[in-house]
Structures are given as C-alpha cells and as structure tokens.
C-alpha cells in the first residue's frame, strides 16, 4: 500500500467574502506527507466541492497550485488554496493521483472536510 498522509486545515476568509451577494471564501492548507518507503510524484487532483444547498462542482487538474511535487520517503509538501461557495457551509473531498517511482499510478483519497463560516454550524 502507498502510505501518503493528507491533513487539512480550513478557515473562513471574511475580508474576501460578501454574504450579501452569497460569496463565501474559504481557504485551506493541505500537508501531504510521504510515509512510505518509495518516492512518488503527485500528478493530478480531483475535488468534489459541495455547498450547503447540495449543489456540487468537480475540479480536476494537473498537480496542485501549479506544481507536481515529488516526495521522497519522509518528505512533506504543504500548500494553501481556496474555494468560493454561495453558502456559509460546505464540504470538499476528493483524491490525488500519484505516480510511484517504478511507474505505477495510485490514488490517495481525501476524506470530506467542512468549510464553514464561524458560528454557521452548531
């Protein structure tokens, strides 16, 4: 098994949000750590972003933030990005596709995480 750990931190970006026009901006920082014995490269990402009304959009693309980092055993890569929703609460989930040094492609699931304006979820 390819042991890649993904941890997520999220926060509401009040200064870029405008609830009056249903614009809620959320930032997230993701740390990807290679806990395996093999070097692997992050090739692509797939996100499913769902707002509080249940409306979803899918986002696919090469790498993350314009990069396709190669992680040796024990190395981490950290990046920050953002999502814009029309509701004060939503979720994101998806997967990264990696290529192991020997050529095999594999997926690393990203469990659902919550995007929420402070005090929007009780």
PDB file of N, CA and C in Angstrom:
ATOM      1  N   UNK A   1       0.842  -1.195   0.000  1.00  0.00           N
ATOM      2  CA  UNK A   1       0.000   0.000   0.000  1.00  0.00           C
ATOM      3  C   UNK A   1       0.878   1.245   0.000  1.00  0.00           C
ATOM      4  N   UNK A   2       0.414   2.272  -0.694  1.00  0.00           N
ATOM      5  CA  UNK A   2       1.152   3.532  -0.766  1.00  0.00           C
ATOM      6  C   UNK A   2       0.694   4.414   0.382  1.00  0.00           C
ATOM      7  N   UNK A   3       1.592   4.664   1.310  1.00  0.00           N
ATOM      8  CA  UNK A   3       1.228   5.351   2.547  1.00  0.00           C
ATOM      9  C   UNK A   3       1.512   6.846   2.436  1.00  0.00           C
ATOM     10  N   UNK A   4       0.543   7.569   1.877  1.00  0.00           N
ATOM     11  CA  UNK A   4       0.618   9.018   1.760  1.00  0.00           C
ATOM     12  C   UNK A   4      -0.429   9.598   2.700  1.00  0.00           C
ATOM     13  N   UNK A   5      -0.001  10.473   3.607  1.00  0.00           N
ATOM     14  CA  UNK A   5      -0.901  11.079   4.585  1.00  0.00           C
ATOM     15  C   UNK A   5      -1.288  12.480   4.112  1.00  0.00           C
ATOM     16  N   UNK A   6      -2.573  12.798   4.214  1.00  0.00           N
ATOM     17  CA  UNK A   6      -3.079  14.116   3.827  1.00  0.00           C
ATOM     18  C   UNK A   6      -3.781  14.728   5.033  1.00  0.00           C
ATOM     19  N   UNK A   7      -3.311  15.903   5.479  1.00  0.00           N
ATOM     20  CA  UNK A   7      -4.001  16.609   6.570  1.00  0.00           C
ATOM     21  C   UNK A   7      -4.448  17.976   6.057  1.00  0.00           C
ATOM     22  N   UNK A   8      -5.581  18.440   6.592  1.00  0.00           N
ATOM     23  CA  UNK A   8      -6.224  19.655   6.095  1.00  0.00           C
ATOM     24  C   UNK A   8      -6.544  20.601   7.235  1.00  0.00           C
ATOM     25  N   UNK A   9      -6.267  21.890   7.027  1.00  0.00           N
ATOM     26  CA  UNK A   9      -6.697  22.964   7.931  1.00  0.00           C
ATOM     27  C   UNK A   9      -7.534  23.928   7.089  1.00  0.00           C
ATOM     28  N   UNK A  10      -8.660  24.397   7.615  1.00  0.00           N
ATOM     29  CA  UNK A  10      -9.520  25.319   6.860  1.00  0.00           C
ATOM     30  C   UNK A  10      -9.822  26.562   7.677  1.00  0.00           C
ATOM     31  N   UNK A  11     -10.170  27.639   6.991  1.00  0.00           N
ATOM     32  CA  UNK A  11     -10.631  28.844   7.666  1.00  0.00           C
ATOM     33  C   UNK A  11     -11.440  29.701   6.702  1.00  0.00           C
ATOM     34  N   UNK A  12     -12.300  30.514   7.285  1.00  0.00           N
ATOM     35  CA  UNK A  12     -13.168  31.431   6.555  1.00  0.00           C
ATOM     36  C   UNK A  12     -12.394  32.721   6.303  1.00  0.00           C
ATOM     37  N   UNK A  13     -12.437  33.221   5.063  1.00  0.00           N
ATOM     38  CA  UNK A  13     -11.723  34.439   4.699  1.00  0.00           C
ATOM     39  C   UNK A  13     -12.744  35.583   4.637  1.00  0.00           C
ATOM     40  N   UNK A  14     -12.961  36.200   5.791  1.00  0.00           N
ATOM     41  CA  UNK A  14     -14.003  37.223   5.907  1.00  0.00           C
ATOM     42  C   UNK A  14     -13.770  38.409   4.984  1.00  0.00           C
ATOM     43  N   UNK A  15     -12.520  38.864   4.874  1.00  0.00           N
ATOM     44  CA  UNK A  15     -12.249  40.081   4.096  1.00  0.00           C
ATOM     45  C   UNK A  15     -12.501  39.906   2.591  1.00  0.00           C
ATOM     46  N   UNK A  16     -12.550  38.670   2.106  1.00  0.00           N
ATOM     47  CA  UNK A  16     -12.821  38.435   0.684  1.00  0.00           C
ATOM     48  C   UNK A  16     -14.236  37.908   0.447  1.00  0.00           C
ATOM     49  N   UNK A  17     -14.980  37.732   1.520  1.00  0.00           N
ATOM     50  CA  UNK A  17     -16.344  37.213   1.422  1.00  0.00           C
ATOM     51  C   UNK A  17     -17.350  38.355   1.428  1.00  0.00           C
ATOM     52  N   UNK A  18     -18.521  38.094   0.878  1.00  0.00           N
ATOM     53  CA  UNK A  18     -19.613  39.066   0.875  1.00  0.00           C
ATOM     54  C   UNK A  18     -20.931  38.307   0.988  1.00  0.00           C
ATOM     55  N   UNK A  19     -21.342  38.004   2.239  1.00  0.00           N
ATOM     56  CA  UNK A  19     -22.581  37.239   2.415  1.00  0.00           C
ATOM     57  C   UNK A  19     -23.800  37.869   1.733  1.00  0.00           C
ATOM     58  N   UNK A  20     -23.829  39.187   1.585  1.00  0.00           N
ATOM     59  CA  UNK A  20     -24.974  39.851   0.942  1.00  0.00           C
ATOM     60  C   UNK A  20     -25.131  39.413  -0.509  1.00  0.00           C
ATOM     61  N   UNK A  21     -24.021  39.008  -1.140  1.00  0.00           N
ATOM     62  CA  UNK A  21     -24.088  38.540  -2.533  1.00  0.00           C
ATOM     63  C   UNK A  21     -23.827  37.032  -2.630  1.00  0.00           C
ATOM     64  N   UNK A  22     -23.979  36.358  -1.516  1.00  0.00           N
ATOM     65  CA  UNK A  22     -23.782  34.899  -1.439  1.00  0.00           C
ATOM     66  C   UNK A  22     -22.384  34.483  -1.910  1.00  0.00           C
ATOM     67  N   UNK A  23     -21.390  35.220  -1.446  1.00  0.00           N
ATOM     68  CA  UNK A  23     -19.984  34.889  -1.746  1.00  0.00           C
ATOM     69  C   UNK A  23     -19.276  34.594  -0.428  1.00  0.00           C
ATOM     70  N   UNK A  24     -18.919  33.342  -0.237  1.00  0.00           N
ATOM     71  CA  UNK A  24     -18.237  32.891   0.968  1.00  0.00           C
ATOM     72  C   UNK A  24     -16.905  32.274   0.546  1.00  0.00           C
ATOM     73  N   UNK A  25     -15.815  32.864   0.987  1.00  0.00           N
ATOM     74  CA  UNK A  25     -14.489  32.406   0.592  1.00  0.00           C
ATOM     75  C   UNK A  25     -13.864  31.630   1.748  1.00  0.00           C
ATOM     76  N   UNK A  26     -13.384  30.451   1.435  1.00  0.00           N
ATOM     77  CA  UNK A  26     -12.733  29.590   2.419  1.00  0.00           C
ATOM     78  C   UNK A  26     -11.342  29.235   1.909  1.00  0.00           C
ATOM     79  N   UNK A  27     -10.370  29.340   2.796  1.00  0.00           N
ATOM     80  CA  UNK A  27      -9.014  28.920   2.452  1.00  0.00           C
ATOM     81  C   UNK A  27      -8.748  27.589   3.134  1.00  0.00           C
ATOM     82  N   UNK A  28      -7.829  26.843   2.562  1.00  0.00           N
ATOM     83  CA  UNK A  28      -7.434  25.582   3.172  1.00  0.00           C
ATOM     84  C   UNK A  28      -5.950  25.349   2.917  1.00  0.00           C
ATOM     85  N   UNK A  29      -5.299  24.813   3.923  1.00  0.00           N
ATOM     86  CA  UNK A  29      -3.901  24.426   3.793  1.00  0.00           C
ATOM     87  C   UNK A  29      -3.834  22.915   3.909  1.00  0.00           C
ATOM     88  N   UNK A  30      -3.179  22.308   2.956  1.00  0.00           N
ATOM     89  CA  UNK A  30      -3.054  20.854   2.930  1.00  0.00           C
ATOM     90  C   UNK A  30      -1.584  20.482   3.062  1.00  0.00           C
ATOM     91  N   UNK A  31      -1.322  19.519   3.921  1.00  0.00           N
ATOM     92  CA  UNK A  31       0.013  18.959   4.070  1.00  0.00           C
ATOM     93  C   UNK A  31      -0.036  17.509   3.617  1.00  0.00           C
ATOM     94  N   UNK A  32       0.810  17.193   2.649  1.00  0.00           N
ATOM     95  CA  UNK A  32       0.897  15.845   2.089  1.00  0.00           C
ATOM     96  C   UNK A  32       2.240  15.278   2.532  1.00  0.00           C
ATOM     97  N   UNK A  33       2.216  14.148   3.230  1.00  0.00           N
ATOM     98  CA  UNK A  33       3.437  13.538   3.739  1.00  0.00           C
ATOM     99  C   UNK A  33       3.579  12.124   3.204  1.00  0.00           C
ATOM    100  N   UNK A  34       4.740  11.845   2.659  1.00  0.00           N
ATOM    101  CA  UNK A  34       5.035  10.508   2.147  1.00  0.00           C
ATOM    102  C   UNK A  34       5.572   9.661   3.296  1.00  0.00           C
ATOM    103  N   UNK A  35       4.741   8.759   3.798  1.00  0.00           N
ATOM    104  CA  UNK A  35       5.138   7.890   4.909  1.00  0.00           C
ATOM    105  C   UNK A  35       5.522   6.492   4.415  1.00  0.00           C
ATOM    106  N   UNK A  36       5.705   6.371   3.103  1.00  0.00           N
ATOM    107  CA  UNK A  36       6.077   5.070   2.544  1.00  0.00           C
ATOM    108  C   UNK A  36       7.598   4.972   2.408  1.00  0.00           C
ATOM    109  N   UNK A  37       8.038   3.878   1.859  1.00  0.00           N
ATOM    110  CA  UNK A  37       9.470   3.663   1.607  1.00  0.00           C
ATOM    111  C   UNK A  37       9.845   4.017   0.165  1.00  0.00           C
ATOM    112  N   UNK A  38       8.866   4.554  -0.592  1.00  0.00           N
ATOM    113  CA  UNK A  38       9.096   4.821  -2.009  1.00  0.00           C
ATOM    114  C   UNK A  38       8.862   6.288  -2.358  1.00  0.00           C
ATOM    115  N   UNK A  39       9.652   6.784  -3.286  1.00  0.00           N
ATOM    116  CA  UNK A  39       9.456   8.134  -3.806  1.00  0.00           C
ATOM    117  C   UNK A  39       8.260   8.119  -4.754  1.00  0.00           C
ATOM    118  N   UNK A  40       7.406   9.153  -4.653  1.00  0.00           N
ATOM    119  CA  UNK A  40       6.225   9.261  -5.512  1.00  0.00           C
ATOM    120  C   UNK A  40       6.015  10.714  -5.899  1.00  0.00           C
ATOM    121  N   UNK A  41       5.395  10.902  -7.069  1.00  0.00           N
ATOM    122  CA  UNK A  41       5.110  12.249  -7.551  1.00  0.00           C
ATOM    123  C   UNK A  41       3.608  12.464  -7.648  1.00  0.00           C
ATOM    124  N   UNK A  42       3.147  13.611  -7.134  1.00  0.00           N
ATOM    125  CA  UNK A  42       1.736  13.982  -7.246  1.00  0.00           C
ATOM    126  C   UNK A  42       1.488  14.446  -8.681  1.00  0.00           C
ATOM    127  N   UNK A  43       0.627  13.749  -9.387  1.00  0.00           N
ATOM    128  CA  UNK A  43       0.382  14.045 -10.797  1.00  0.00           C
ATOM    129  C   UNK A  43      -0.848  14.918 -11.023  1.00  0.00           C
ATOM    130  N   UNK A  44      -1.942  14.631 -10.278  1.00  0.00           N
ATOM    131  CA  UNK A  44      -3.183  15.370 -10.515  1.00  0.00           C
ATOM    132  C   UNK A  44      -4.055  15.374  -9.271  1.00  0.00           C
ATOM    133  N   UNK A  45      -5.103  16.202  -9.346  1.00  0.00           N
ATOM    134  CA  UNK A  45      -6.048  16.310  -8.238  1.00  0.00           C
ATOM    135  C   UNK A  45      -7.464  16.201  -8.786  1.00  0.00           C
ATOM    136  N   UNK A  46      -8.356  15.755  -7.924  1.00  0.00           N
ATOM    137  CA  UNK A  46      -9.788  15.727  -8.228  1.00  0.00           C
ATOM    138  C   UNK A  46     -10.513  16.156  -6.955  1.00  0.00           C
ATOM    139  N   UNK A  47     -11.324  17.196  -7.062  1.00  0.00           N
ATOM    140  CA  UNK A  47     -12.103  17.679  -5.924  1.00  0.00           C
ATOM    141  C   UNK A  47     -13.584  17.633  -6.262  1.00  0.00           C
ATOM    142  N   UNK A  48     -14.387  17.339  -5.258  1.00  0.00           N
ATOM    143  CA  UNK A  48     -15.829  17.498  -5.312  1.00  0.00           C
ATOM    144  C   UNK A  48     -16.161  18.516  -4.228  1.00  0.00           C
ATOM    145  N   UNK A  49     -16.618  19.690  -4.662  1.00  0.00           N
ATOM    146  CA  UNK A  49     -16.934  20.782  -3.743  1.00  0.00           C
ATOM    147  C   UNK A  49     -18.452  20.908  -3.692  1.00  0.00           C
ATOM    148  N   UNK A  50     -19.025  20.787  -2.490  1.00  0.00           N
ATOM    149  CA  UNK A  50     -20.481  20.801  -2.327  1.00  0.00           C
ATOM    150  C   UNK A  50     -20.873  21.913  -1.366  1.00  0.00           C
ATOM    151  N   UNK A  51     -21.830  22.753  -1.779  1.00  0.00           N
ATOM    152  CA  UNK A  51     -22.264  23.832  -0.888  1.00  0.00           C
ATOM    153  C   UNK A  51     -23.385  23.353   0.026  1.00  0.00           C
ATOM    154  N   UNK A  52     -23.860  24.242   0.880  1.00  0.00           N
ATOM    155  CA  UNK A  52     -24.869  23.899   1.870  1.00  0.00           C
ATOM    156  C   UNK A  52     -26.224  23.568   1.291  1.00  0.00           C
ATOM    157  N   UNK A  53     -26.431  23.869   0.006  1.00  0.00           N
ATOM    158  CA  UNK A  53     -27.688  23.537  -0.670  1.00  0.00           C
ATOM    159  C   UNK A  53     -27.597  22.193  -1.382  1.00  0.00           C
ATOM    160  N   UNK A  54     -26.405  21.579  -1.344  1.00  0.00           N
ATOM    161  CA  UNK A  54     -26.218  20.302  -2.013  1.00  0.00           C
ATOM    162  C   UNK A  54     -25.741  20.412  -3.449  1.00  0.00           C
ATOM    163  N   UNK A  55     -25.515  21.642  -3.922  1.00  0.00           N
ATOM    164  CA  UNK A  55     -25.003  21.829  -5.281  1.00  0.00           C
ATOM    165  C   UNK A  55     -23.505  21.531  -5.288  1.00  0.00           C
ATOM    166  N   UNK A  56     -23.068  20.746  -6.271  1.00  0.00           N
ATOM    167  CA  UNK A  56     -21.666  20.322  -6.323  1.00  0.00           C
ATOM    168  C   UNK A  56     -20.995  20.771  -7.603  1.00  0.00           C
ATOM    169  N   UNK A  57     -19.699  20.943  -7.504  1.00  0.00           N
ATOM    170  CA  UNK A  57     -18.885  21.149  -8.699  1.00  0.00           C
ATOM    171  C   UNK A  57     -17.632  20.302  -8.559  1.00  0.00           C
ATOM    172  N   UNK A  58     -17.170  19.793  -9.689  1.00  0.00           N
ATOM    173  CA  UNK A  58     -15.968  18.978  -9.686  1.00  0.00           C
ATOM    174  C   UNK A  58     -14.819  19.798 -10.261  1.00  0.00           C
ATOM    175  N   UNK A  59     -13.649  19.614  -9.680  1.00  0.00           N
ATOM    176  CA  UNK A  59     -12.449  20.315 -10.119  1.00  0.00           C
ATOM    177  C   UNK A  59     -11.362  19.272 -10.359  1.00  0.00           C
ATOM    178  N   UNK A  60     -10.851  19.233 -11.568  1.00  0.00           N
ATOM    179  CA  UNK A  60      -9.773  18.322 -11.929  1.00  0.00           C
ATOM    180  C   UNK A  60      -8.637  19.132 -12.528  1.00  0.00           C
ATOM    181  N   UNK A  61      -7.423  18.658 -12.334  1.00  0.00           N
ATOM    182  CA  UNK A  61      -6.312  19.332 -12.974  1.00  0.00           C
ATOM    183  C   UNK A  61      -4.988  18.706 -12.606  1.00  0.00           C
ATOM    184  N   UNK A  62      -3.952  19.104 -13.340  1.00  0.00           N
ATOM    185  CA  UNK A  62      -2.621  18.586 -13.039  1.00  0.00           C
ATOM    186  C   UNK A  62      -2.080  19.179 -11.748  1.00  0.00           C
ATOM    187  N   UNK A  63      -1.478  18.355 -10.919  1.00  0.00           N
ATOM    188  CA  UNK A  63      -0.804  18.815  -9.708  1.00  0.00           C
ATOM    189  C   UNK A  63      -1.683  19.634  -8.782  1.00  0.00           C
ATOM    190  N   UNK A  64      -1.021  20.442  -7.972  1.00  0.00           N
ATOM    191  CA  UNK A  64      -1.690  21.357  -7.038  1.00  0.00           C
ATOM    192  C   UNK A  64      -0.942  22.688  -7.082  1.00  0.00           C
ATOM    193  N   UNK A  65      -1.664  23.785  -7.063  1.00  0.00           N
ATOM    194  CA  UNK A  65      -1.111  25.145  -7.138  1.00  0.00           C
ATOM    195  C   UNK A  65       0.012  25.248  -8.180  1.00  0.00           C
ATOM    196  N   UNK A  66      -0.211  24.621  -9.344  1.00  0.00           N
ATOM    197  CA  UNK A  66       0.743  24.702 -10.431  1.00  0.00           C
ATOM    198  C   UNK A  66       1.993  23.848 -10.282  1.00  0.00           C
ATOM    199  N   UNK A  67       2.003  22.951  -9.309  1.00  0.00           N
ATOM    200  CA  UNK A  67       3.177  22.118  -9.069  1.00  0.00           C
ATOM    201  C   UNK A  67       2.794  20.642  -9.057  1.00  0.00           C
ATOM    202  N   UNK A  68       3.765  19.813  -9.390  1.00  0.00           N
ATOM    203  CA  UNK A  68       3.619  18.364  -9.299  1.00  0.00           C
ATOM    204  C   UNK A  68       4.794  17.850  -8.462  1.00  0.00           C
ATOM    205  N   UNK A  69       4.702  18.046  -7.144  1.00  0.00           N
ATOM    206  CA  UNK A  69       5.850  17.743  -6.283  1.00  0.00           C
ATOM    207  C   UNK A  69       6.184  16.252  -6.227  1.00  0.00           C
ATOM    208  N   UNK A  70       7.476  15.975  -6.162  1.00  0.00           N
ATOM    209  CA  UNK A  70       7.975  14.626  -5.947  1.00  0.00           C
ATOM    210  C   UNK A  70       8.388  14.526  -4.481  1.00  0.00           C
ATOM    211  N   UNK A  71       7.862  13.522  -3.799  1.00  0.00           N
ATOM    212  CA  UNK A  71       8.117  13.353  -2.372  1.00  0.00           C
ATOM    213  C   UNK A  71       8.902  12.074  -2.120  1.00  0.00           C
ATOM    214  N   UNK A  72      10.094  12.237  -1.597  1.00  0.00           N
ATOM    215  CA  UNK A  72      10.890  11.086  -1.163  1.00  0.00           C
ATOM    216  C   UNK A  72      10.317  10.593   0.165  1.00  0.00           C
ATOM    217  N   UNK A  73      10.674   9.385   0.590  1.00  0.00           N
ATOM    218  CA  UNK A  73      10.192   8.893   1.885  1.00  0.00           C
ATOM    219  C   UNK A  73      10.471   9.905   2.999  1.00  0.00           C
ATOM    220  N   UNK A  74       9.429  10.217   3.782  1.00  0.00           N
ATOM    221  CA  UNK A  74       9.555  11.147   4.899  1.00  0.00           C
ATOM    222  C   UNK A  74       9.360  12.603   4.536  1.00  0.00           C
ATOM    223  N   UNK A  75       9.311  12.939   3.252  1.00  0.00           N
ATOM    224  CA  UNK A  75       9.149  14.340   2.848  1.00  0.00           C
ATOM    225  C   UNK A  75       7.682  14.751   2.850  1.00  0.00           C
ATOM    226  N   UNK A  76       7.474  16.071   3.022  1.00  0.00           N
ATOM    227  CA  UNK A  76       6.130  16.650   3.000  1.00  0.00           C
ATOM    228  C   UNK A  76       6.078  17.797   2.003  1.00  0.00           C
ATOM    229  N   UNK A  77       4.890  18.064   1.524  1.00  0.00           N
ATOM    230  CA  UNK A  77       4.625  19.225   0.679  1.00  0.00           C
ATOM    231  C   UNK A  77       3.390  19.900   1.248  1.00  0.00           C
ATOM    232  N   UNK A  78       3.462  21.215   1.433  1.00  0.00           N
ATOM    233  CA  UNK A  78       2.359  21.969   2.037  1.00  0.00           C
ATOM    234  C   UNK A  78       1.970  23.085   1.079  1.00  0.00           C
ATOM    235  N   UNK A  79       0.661  23.270   0.894  1.00  0.00           N
ATOM    236  CA  UNK A  79       0.200  24.374   0.051  1.00  0.00           C
ATOM    237  C   UNK A  79      -1.128  24.904   0.577  1.00  0.00           C
ATOM    238  N   UNK A  80      -1.429  26.134   0.155  1.00  0.00           N
ATOM    239  CA  UNK A  80      -2.679  26.780   0.536  1.00  0.00           C
ATOM    240  C   UNK A  80      -3.426  27.173  -0.730  1.00  0.00           C
ATOM    241  N   UNK A  81      -4.729  26.939  -0.716  1.00  0.00           N
ATOM    242  CA  UNK A  81      -5.584  27.315  -1.828  1.00  0.00           C
ATOM    243  C   UNK A  81      -6.918  27.789  -1.252  1.00  0.00           C
ATOM    244  N   UNK A  82      -7.908  27.979  -2.113  1.00  0.00           N
ATOM    245  CA  UNK A  82      -9.189  28.500  -1.640  1.00  0.00           C
ATOM    246  C   UNK A  82     -10.342  27.944  -2.463  1.00  0.00           C
ATOM    247  N   UNK A  83     -11.528  28.029  -1.874  1.00  0.00           N
ATOM    248  CA  UNK A  83     -12.774  27.658  -2.547  1.00  0.00           C
ATOM    249  C   UNK A  83     -13.792  28.751  -2.265  1.00  0.00           C
ATOM    250  N   UNK A  84     -14.621  29.036  -3.248  1.00  0.00           N
ATOM    251  CA  UNK A  84     -15.666  30.043  -3.096  1.00  0.00           C
ATOM    252  C   UNK A  84     -17.012  29.339  -3.210  1.00  0.00           C
ATOM    253  N   UNK A  85     -17.831  29.535  -2.182  1.00  0.00           N
ATOM    254  CA  UNK A  85     -19.166  28.926  -2.150  1.00  0.00           C
ATOM    255  C   UNK A  85     -20.235  30.007  -2.135  1.00  0.00           C
ATOM    256  N   UNK A  86     -21.478  29.602  -2.449  1.00  0.00           N
ATOM    257  CA  UNK A  86     -22.617  30.507  -2.359  1.00  0.00           C
ATOM    258  C   UNK A  86     -23.353  30.350  -1.033  1.00  0.00           C
ATOM    259  N   UNK A  87     -22.861  29.474  -0.160  1.00  0.00           N
ATOM    260  CA  UNK A  87     -23.485  29.254   1.146  1.00  0.00           C
ATOM    261  C   UNK A  87     -22.414  29.342   2.233  1.00  0.00           C
ATOM    262  N   UNK A  88     -22.857  29.524   3.476  1.00  0.00           N
ATOM    263  CA  UNK A  88     -21.940  29.704   4.602  1.00  0.00           C
ATOM    264  C   UNK A  88     -21.285  28.399   5.052  1.00  0.00           C
ATOM    265  N   UNK A  89     -21.772  27.280   4.521  1.00  0.00           N
ATOM    266  CA  UNK A  89     -21.244  25.971   4.894  1.00  0.00           C
ATOM    267  C   UNK A  89     -21.132  25.114   3.641  1.00  0.00           C
ATOM    268  N   UNK A  90     -20.124  24.278   3.602  1.00  0.00           N
ATOM    269  CA  UNK A  90     -19.974  23.340   2.500  1.00  0.00           C
ATOM    270  C   UNK A  90     -18.953  22.278   2.849  1.00  0.00           C
ATOM    271  N   UNK A  91     -18.686  21.402   1.904  1.00  0.00           N
ATOM    272  CA  UNK A  91     -17.680  20.364   2.107  1.00  0.00           C
ATOM    273  C   UNK A  91     -16.818  20.224   0.854  1.00  0.00           C
ATOM    274  N   UNK A  92     -15.639  19.654   1.069  1.00  0.00           N
ATOM    275  CA  UNK A  92     -14.762  19.263  -0.033  1.00  0.00           C
ATOM    276  C   UNK A  92     -14.274  17.854   0.229  1.00  0.00           C
ATOM    277  N   UNK A  93     -14.076  17.110  -0.836  1.00  0.00           N
ATOM    278  CA  UNK A  93     -13.486  15.777  -0.752  1.00  0.00           C
ATOM    279  C   UNK A  93     -12.929  15.438  -2.124  1.00  0.00           C
ATOM    280  N   UNK A  94     -12.126  14.407  -2.191  1.00  0.00           N
ATOM    281  CA  UNK A  94     -11.601  14.044  -3.491  1.00  0.00           C
ATOM    282  C   UNK A  94     -10.444  13.072  -3.394  1.00  0.00           C
ATOM    283  N   UNK A  95      -9.498  13.231  -4.333  1.00  0.00           N
ATOM    284  CA  UNK A  95      -8.314  12.379  -4.303  1.00  0.00           C
ATOM    285  C   UNK A  95      -7.175  13.030  -5.088  1.00  0.00           C
ATOM    286  N   UNK A  96      -5.970  12.598  -4.765  1.00  0.00           N
ATOM    287  CA  UNK A  96      -4.790  12.924  -5.550  1.00  0.00           C
ATOM    288  C   UNK A  96      -4.393  11.669  -6.297  1.00  0.00           C
ATOM    289  N   UNK A  97      -3.853  11.853  -7.485  1.00  0.00           N
ATOM    290  CA  UNK A  97      -3.276  10.717  -8.193  1.00  0.00           C
ATOM    291  C   UNK A  97      -1.762  10.890  -8.169  1.00  0.00           C
ATOM    292  N   UNK A  98      -1.092   9.861  -7.714  1.00  0.00           N
ATOM    293  CA  UNK A  98       0.367   9.849  -7.619  1.00  0.00           C
ATOM    294  C   UNK A  98       0.930   8.826  -8.584  1.00  0.00           C
ATOM    295  N   UNK A  99       2.189   9.042  -8.958  1.00  0.00           N
ATOM    296  CA  UNK A  99       2.933   8.043  -9.717  1.00  0.00           C
ATOM    297  C   UNK A  99       4.132   7.624  -8.875  1.00  0.00           C
ATOM    298  N   UNK A 100       4.194   6.335  -8.593  1.00  0.00           N
ATOM    299  CA  UNK A 100       5.312   5.793  -7.828  1.00  0.00           C
ATOM    300  C   UNK A 100       6.564   5.797  -8.698  1.00  0.00           C
ATOM    301  N   UNK A 101       7.726   5.757  -8.074  1.00  0.00           N
ATOM    302  CA  UNK A 101       8.986   5.816  -8.818  1.00  0.00           C
ATOM    303  C   UNK A 101       9.125   4.690  -9.833  1.00  0.00           C
ATOM    304  N   UNK A 102       8.445   3.577  -9.621  1.00  0.00           N
ATOM    305  CA  UNK A 102       8.513   2.456 -10.564  1.00  0.00           C
ATOM    306  C   UNK A 102       7.456   2.561 -11.660  1.00  0.00           C
ATOM    307  N   UNK A 103       6.664   3.625 -11.644  1.00  0.00           N
ATOM    308  CA  UNK A 103       5.731   3.885 -12.738  1.00  0.00           C
ATOM    309  C   UNK A 103       4.271   3.659 -12.463  1.00  0.00           C
ATOM    310  N   UNK A 104       3.928   2.903 -11.415  1.00  0.00           N
ATOM    311  CA  UNK A 104       2.518   2.643 -11.118  1.00  0.00           C
ATOM    312  C   UNK A 104       1.801   3.905 -10.660  1.00  0.00           C
ATOM    313  N   UNK A 105       0.577   4.089 -11.162  1.00  0.00           N
ATOM    314  CA  UNK A 105      -0.282   5.183 -10.703  1.00  0.00           C
ATOM    315  C   UNK A 105      -1.146   4.673  -9.562  1.00  0.00           C
ATOM    316  N   UNK A 106      -1.373   5.535  -8.572  1.00  0.00           N
ATOM    317  CA  UNK A 106      -2.264   5.177  -7.476  1.00  0.00           C
ATOM    318  C   UNK A 106      -2.972   6.421  -6.959  1.00  0.00           C
ATOM    319  N   UNK A 107      -4.142   6.196  -6.377  1.00  0.00           N
ATOM    320  CA  UNK A 107      -4.950   7.291  -5.832  1.00  0.00           C
ATOM    321  C   UNK A 107      -4.825   7.355  -4.320  1.00  0.00           C
ATOM    322  N   UNK A 108      -4.808   8.599  -3.833  1.00  0.00           N
ATOM    323  CA  UNK A 108      -4.812   8.846  -2.395  1.00  0.00           C
ATOM    324  C   UNK A 108      -6.110   9.589  -2.085  1.00  0.00           C
ATOM    325  N   UNK A 109      -7.042   8.956  -1.363  1.00  0.00           N
ATOM    326  CA  UNK A 109      -8.318   9.613  -1.077  1.00  0.00           C
ATOM    327  C   UNK A 109      -8.139  10.769  -0.093  1.00  0.00           C
ATOM    328  N   UNK A 110      -8.964  11.794  -0.278  1.00  0.00           N
ATOM    329  CA  UNK A 110      -9.019  12.925   0.652  1.00  0.00           C
ATOM    330  C   UNK A 110     -10.411  12.892   1.252  1.00  0.00           C
ATOM    331  N   UNK A 111     -10.466  12.567   2.527  1.00  0.00           N
ATOM    332  CA  UNK A 111     -11.748  12.440   3.215  1.00  0.00           C
ATOM    333  C   UNK A 111     -12.482  13.783   3.225  1.00  0.00           C
ATOM    334  N   UNK A 112     -13.813  13.767   3.281  1.00  0.00           N
ATOM    335  CA  UNK A 112     -14.571  15.019   3.315  1.00  0.00           C
ATOM    336  C   UNK A 112     -14.145  15.896   4.490  1.00  0.00           C
ATOM    337  N   UNK A 113     -14.034  17.192   4.209  1.00  0.00           N
ATOM    338  CA  UNK A 113     -13.788  18.160   5.278  1.00  0.00           C
ATOM    339  C   UNK A 113     -14.748  19.323   5.109  1.00  0.00           C
ATOM    340  N   UNK A 114     -15.025  19.984   6.230  1.00  0.00           N
ATOM    341  CA  UNK A 114     -16.054  21.026   6.272  1.00  0.00           C
ATOM    342  C   UNK A 114     -15.446  22.402   6.048  1.00  0.00           C
ATOM    343  N   UNK A 115     -16.145  23.193   5.251  1.00  0.00           N
ATOM    344  CA  UNK A 115     -15.864  24.619   5.072  1.00  0.00           C
ATOM    345  C   UNK A 115     -17.044  25.322   5.736  1.00  0.00           C
ATOM    346  N   UNK A 116     -16.764  26.132   6.755  1.00  0.00           N
ATOM    347  CA  UNK A 116     -17.883  26.764   7.467  1.00  0.00           C
ATOM    348  C   UNK A 116     -17.506  28.135   7.997  1.00  0.00           C
ATOM    349  N   UNK A 117     -18.404  29.074   7.787  1.00  0.00           N
ATOM    350  CA  UNK A 117     -18.281  30.385   8.382  1.00  0.00           C
ATOM    351  C   UNK A 117     -18.398  30.217   9.895  1.00  0.00           C
ATOM    352  N   UNK A 118     -17.623  30.956  10.678  1.00  0.00           N
ATOM    353  CA  UNK A 118     -17.734  30.810  12.143  1.00  0.00           C
ATOM    354  C   UNK A 118     -19.174  30.952  12.613  1.00  0.00           C
ATOM    355  N   UNK A 119     -19.561  30.093  13.520  1.00  0.00           N
ATOM    356  CA  UNK A 119     -20.905  30.065  14.111  1.00  0.00           C
ATOM    357  C   UNK A 119     -22.012  29.640  13.147  1.00  0.00           C
ATOM    358  N   UNK A 120     -21.631  29.153  11.950  1.00  0.00           N
ATOM    359  CA  UNK A 120     -22.647  28.698  10.996  1.00  0.00           C
ATOM    360  C   UNK A 120     -23.065  27.265  11.299  1.00  0.00           C
ATOM    361  N   UNK A 121     -22.202  26.506  11.977  1.00  0.00           N
ATOM    362  CA  UNK A 121     -22.501  25.126  12.331  1.00  0.00           C
ATOM    363  C   UNK A 121     -22.544  25.034  13.841  1.00  0.00           C
ATOM    364  N   UNK A 122     -23.602  24.464  14.358  1.00  0.00           N
ATOM    365  CA  UNK A 122     -23.735  24.380  15.828  1.00  0.00           C
ATOM    366  C   UNK A 122     -23.680  22.928  16.266  1.00  0.00           C
TER     367      UNK A 122
END
